[in-house]
Amino acid sequence: MIGAIGGIVRAFLLGCFNYHRDVSCCYGVLIVISRLSQSAIICFIYALVKFGGFFVVYCVKLKKEGEGLSRPPIPGELGKRIQENISQEAWTMWLGQQTILINEYRLNPIDPQARQFLEEQMQTYLFED
């Protein structure tokens, strides 16, 4: 059990370093983790996984690495594609753009034609600009 926990902690620290590119961040996390009991480490890892640990994606919109979305923002294959290729920052930018489109064109979001239009605009905004 200790070996498995050690592997998970090493993976977490590597993820932390890859995100922050800062050894001092990882060292601080390592000091805190080393003082925890085995059950506290398990609870820490469970909370991290359950309640939103971060991960990094290369955002095709912004052309840089950034924090990924914790879950697909919309159902289906397009939602998975967005989660794998779009950062939280770019998704927030799209939500602002979507609001502008809804207001400018006076769209009703429950209208199927309006939803189709917004989906097309979203794909263009996120993947083709």
C-alpha atoms as a PDB file:
ATOM      1  CA  MET A   1       0.000   0.000   0.000  1.00  0.00           C
ATOM      2  CA  ILE A   2       2.799   2.425   0.874  1.00  0.00           C
ATOM      3  CA  GLY A   3       4.425   1.838  -2.532  1.00  0.00           C
ATOM      4  CA  ALA A   4       1.187   2.684  -4.334  1.00  0.00           C
ATOM      5  CA  ILE A   5       0.717   5.846  -2.285  1.00  0.00           C
ATOM      6  CA  GLY A   6       4.317   6.837  -2.970  1.00  0.00           C
ATOM      7  CA  GLY A   7       3.727   6.427  -6.695  1.00  0.00           C
ATOM      8  CA  ILE A   8       0.596   8.557  -6.561  1.00  0.00           C
ATOM      9  CA  VAL A   9       2.379  11.265  -4.562  1.00  0.00           C
ATOM     10  CA  ARG A  10       5.275  11.232  -7.074  1.00  0.00           C
ATOM     11  CA  ALA A  11       2.780  11.573  -9.953  1.00  0.00           C
ATOM     12  CA  PHE A  12       1.074  14.469  -8.160  1.00  0.00           C
ATOM     13  CA  LEU A  13       4.379  16.247  -7.572  1.00  0.00           C
ATOM     14  CA  LEU A  14       5.393  15.761 -11.195  1.00  0.00           C
ATOM     15  CA  GLY A  15       2.056  17.242 -12.271  1.00  0.00           C
ATOM     16  CA  CYS A  16       2.566  20.144  -9.877  1.00  0.00           C
ATOM     17  CA  PHE A  17       6.041  20.791 -11.274  1.00  0.00           C
ATOM     18  CA  ASN A  18       4.849  20.524 -14.890  1.00  0.00           C
ATOM     19  CA  TYR A  19       2.084  23.052 -14.175  1.00  0.00           C
ATOM     20  CA  HIS A  20       4.057  25.592 -12.150  1.00  0.00           C
ATOM     21  CA  ARG A  21       7.593  24.892 -13.438  1.00  0.00           C
ATOM     22  CA  ASP A  22       8.697  25.721  -9.910  1.00  0.00           C
ATOM     23  CA  VAL A  23      10.662  23.298  -7.744  1.00  0.00           C
ATOM     24  CA  SER A  24       9.903  25.278  -4.564  1.00  0.00           C
ATOM     25  CA  CYS A  25       6.168  24.653  -5.077  1.00  0.00           C
ATOM     26  CA  CYS A  26       6.766  20.901  -5.253  1.00  0.00           C
ATOM     27  CA  TYR A  27       9.144  20.995  -2.302  1.00  0.00           C
ATOM     28  CA  GLY A  28       6.521  22.729  -0.161  1.00  0.00           C
ATOM     29  CA  VAL A  29       3.915  20.150  -1.138  1.00  0.00           C
ATOM     30  CA  LEU A  30       6.380  17.349  -0.391  1.00  0.00           C
ATOM     31  CA  ILE A  31       7.075  18.731   3.100  1.00  0.00           C
ATOM     32  CA  VAL A  32       3.354  18.904   3.868  1.00  0.00           C
ATOM     33  CA  ILE A  33       2.679  15.411   2.506  1.00  0.00           C
ATOM     34  CA  SER A  34       5.646  13.903   4.372  1.00  0.00           C
ATOM     35  CA  ARG A  35       4.113  15.020   7.679  1.00  0.00           C
ATOM     36  CA  LEU A  36       0.739  13.413   6.986  1.00  0.00           C
ATOM     37  CA  SER A  37      -0.276   9.973   8.115  1.00  0.00           C
ATOM     38  CA  GLN A  38      -1.038   7.291   5.538  1.00  0.00           C
ATOM     39  CA  SER A  39      -4.812   7.744   5.982  1.00  0.00           C
ATOM     40  CA  ALA A  40      -4.467  11.541   5.671  1.00  0.00           C
ATOM     41  CA  ILE A  41      -2.540  11.112   2.415  1.00  0.00           C
ATOM     42  CA  ILE A  42      -5.296   8.868   1.071  1.00  0.00           C
ATOM     43  CA  CYS A  43      -7.928  11.458   2.064  1.00  0.00           C
ATOM     44  CA  PHE A  44      -5.848  14.220   0.464  1.00  0.00           C
ATOM     45  CA  ILE A  45      -5.539  12.322  -2.820  1.00  0.00           C
ATOM     46  CA  TYR A  46      -9.246  11.405  -2.773  1.00  0.00           C
ATOM     47  CA  ALA A  47     -10.237  15.050  -2.243  1.00  0.00           C
ATOM     48  CA  LEU A  48      -7.871  16.181  -4.978  1.00  0.00           C
ATOM     49  CA  VAL A  49      -9.374  13.745  -7.478  1.00  0.00           C
ATOM     50  CA  LYS A  50     -13.006  14.153  -6.387  1.00  0.00           C
ATOM     51  CA  PHE A  51     -13.130  17.912  -5.960  1.00  0.00           C
ATOM     52  CA  GLY A  52     -11.089  19.197  -8.821  1.00  0.00           C
ATOM     53  CA  GLY A  53      -7.431  18.624  -9.110  1.00  0.00           C
ATOM     54  CA  PHE A  54      -6.122  20.548 -12.073  1.00  0.00           C
ATOM     55  CA  PHE A  55      -4.505  19.296 -15.213  1.00  0.00           C
ATOM     56  CA  VAL A  56      -2.758  21.015 -18.056  1.00  0.00           C
ATOM     57  CA  VAL A  57      -3.774  21.069 -21.723  1.00  0.00           C
ATOM     58  CA  TYR A  58      -2.181  22.679 -24.731  1.00  0.00           C
ATOM     59  CA  CYS A  59      -4.868  25.138 -25.766  1.00  0.00           C
ATOM     60  CA  VAL A  60      -5.264  25.303 -29.537  1.00  0.00           C
ATOM     61  CA  LYS A  61      -7.112  28.632 -29.242  1.00  0.00           C
ATOM     62  CA  LEU A  62      -4.492  30.463 -27.187  1.00  0.00           C
ATOM     63  CA  LYS A  63      -1.498  28.468 -28.492  1.00  0.00           C
ATOM     64  CA  LYS A  64      -0.156  27.869 -24.978  1.00  0.00           C
ATOM     65  CA  GLU A  65      -0.517  25.520 -22.031  1.00  0.00           C
ATOM     66  CA  GLY A  66      -3.195  26.287 -19.501  1.00  0.00           C
ATOM     67  CA  GLU A  67      -5.479  24.786 -16.905  1.00  0.00           C
ATOM     68  CA  GLY A  68      -7.867  22.312 -18.502  1.00  0.00           C
ATOM     69  CA  LEU A  69     -11.589  22.008 -17.977  1.00  0.00           C
ATOM     70  CA  SER A  70     -12.520  19.604 -15.181  1.00  0.00           C
ATOM     71  CA  ARG A  71     -15.256  17.994 -17.303  1.00  0.00           C
ATOM     72  CA  PRO A  72     -16.621  18.299 -20.830  1.00  0.00           C
ATOM     73  CA  PRO A  73     -18.598  21.559 -21.059  1.00  0.00           C
ATOM     74  CA  ILE A  74     -21.172  20.065 -23.421  1.00  0.00           C
ATOM     75  CA  PRO A  75     -22.236  16.464 -24.068  1.00  0.00           C
ATOM     76  CA  GLY A  76     -20.893  14.298 -26.871  1.00  0.00           C
ATOM     77  CA  GLU A  77     -17.727  14.114 -28.920  1.00  0.00           C
ATOM     78  CA  LEU A  78     -17.467  17.883 -29.294  1.00  0.00           C
ATOM     79  CA  GLY A  79     -17.477  18.270 -25.501  1.00  0.00           C
ATOM     80  CA  LYS A  80     -14.631  15.753 -25.195  1.00  0.00           C
ATOM     81  CA  ARG A  81     -12.696  17.537 -27.940  1.00  0.00           C
ATOM     82  CA  ILE A  82     -13.132  20.849 -26.129  1.00  0.00           C
ATOM     83  CA  GLN A  83     -12.024  19.363 -22.810  1.00  0.00           C
ATOM     84  CA  GLU A  84      -8.882  17.874 -24.382  1.00  0.00           C
ATOM     85  CA  ASN A  85      -7.862  20.922 -26.453  1.00  0.00           C
ATOM     86  CA  ILE A  86      -9.236  24.089 -24.845  1.00  0.00           C
ATOM     87  CA  SER A  87      -8.090  25.749 -21.609  1.00  0.00           C
ATOM     88  CA  GLN A  88     -10.320  27.200 -18.910  1.00  0.00           C
ATOM     89  CA  GLU A  89      -9.214  30.687 -19.963  1.00  0.00           C
ATOM     90  CA  ALA A  90     -10.242  30.158 -23.614  1.00  0.00           C
ATOM     91  CA  TRP A  91     -13.571  28.595 -22.569  1.00  0.00           C
ATOM     92  CA  THR A  92     -14.329  31.641 -20.404  1.00  0.00           C
ATOM     93  CA  MET A  93     -13.532  33.867 -23.392  1.00  0.00           C
ATOM     94  CA  TRP A  94     -15.969  31.837 -25.513  1.00  0.00           C
ATOM     95  CA  LEU A  95     -18.742  32.235 -22.924  1.00  0.00           C
ATOM     96  CA  GLY A  96     -18.307  36.005 -23.174  1.00  0.00           C
ATOM     97  CA  GLN A  97     -18.413  35.831 -26.971  1.00  0.00           C
ATOM     98  CA  GLN A  98     -21.503  33.614 -26.813  1.00  0.00           C
ATOM     99  CA  THR A  99     -23.276  36.220 -24.662  1.00  0.00           C
ATOM    100  CA  ILE A 100     -22.444  38.894 -27.232  1.00  0.00           C
ATOM    101  CA  LEU A 101     -23.859  36.721 -30.048  1.00  0.00           C
ATOM    102  CA  ILE A 102     -27.049  35.957 -28.118  1.00  0.00           C
ATOM    103  CA  ASN A 103     -27.623  39.651 -27.417  1.00  0.00           C
ATOM    104  CA  GLU A 104     -26.584  40.940 -30.832  1.00  0.00           C
ATOM    105  CA  TYR A 105     -28.711  38.477 -32.804  1.00  0.00           C
ATOM    106  CA  ARG A 106     -31.468  38.300 -30.171  1.00  0.00           C
ATOM    107  CA  LEU A 107     -31.167  34.521 -30.027  1.00  0.00           C
ATOM    108  CA  ASN A 108     -33.393  32.274 -27.955  1.00  0.00           C
ATOM    109  CA  PRO A 109     -31.049  29.571 -26.548  1.00  0.00           C
ATOM    110  CA  ILE A 110     -33.829  26.969 -26.470  1.00  0.00           C
ATOM    111  CA  ASP A 111     -34.547  27.402 -30.201  1.00  0.00           C
ATOM    112  CA  PRO A 112     -32.871  24.509 -32.120  1.00  0.00           C
ATOM    113  CA  GLN A 113     -31.759  26.811 -34.954  1.00  0.00           C
ATOM    114  CA  ALA A 114     -30.190  29.241 -32.503  1.00  0.00           C
ATOM    115  CA  ARG A 115     -28.405  26.381 -30.748  1.00  0.00           C
ATOM    116  CA  GLN A 116     -27.078  25.096 -34.073  1.00  0.00           C
ATOM    117  CA  PHE A 117     -25.850  28.595 -34.948  1.00  0.00           C
ATOM    118  CA  LEU A 118     -24.119  28.944 -31.557  1.00  0.00           C
ATOM    119  CA  GLU A 119     -22.472  25.524 -31.916  1.00  0.00           C
ATOM    120  CA  GLU A 120     -21.103  26.475 -35.351  1.00  0.00           C
ATOM    121  CA  GLN A 121     -19.851  29.797 -33.982  1.00  0.00           C
ATOM    122  CA  MET A 122     -18.272  28.017 -31.010  1.00  0.00           C
ATOM    123  CA  GLN A 123     -16.358  25.600 -33.244  1.00  0.00           C
ATOM    124  CA  THR A 124     -15.147  28.467 -35.423  1.00  0.00           C
ATOM    125  CA  TYR A 125     -14.155  30.574 -32.405  1.00  0.00           C
ATOM    126  CA  LEU A 126     -12.342  27.810 -30.532  1.00  0.00           C
ATOM    127  CA  PHE A 127     -10.745  25.789 -33.316  1.00  0.00           C
ATOM    128  CA  GLU A 128     -10.518  27.848 -36.520  1.00  0.00           C
ATOM    129  CA  ASP A 129      -9.537  31.392 -35.519  1.00  0.00           C
END
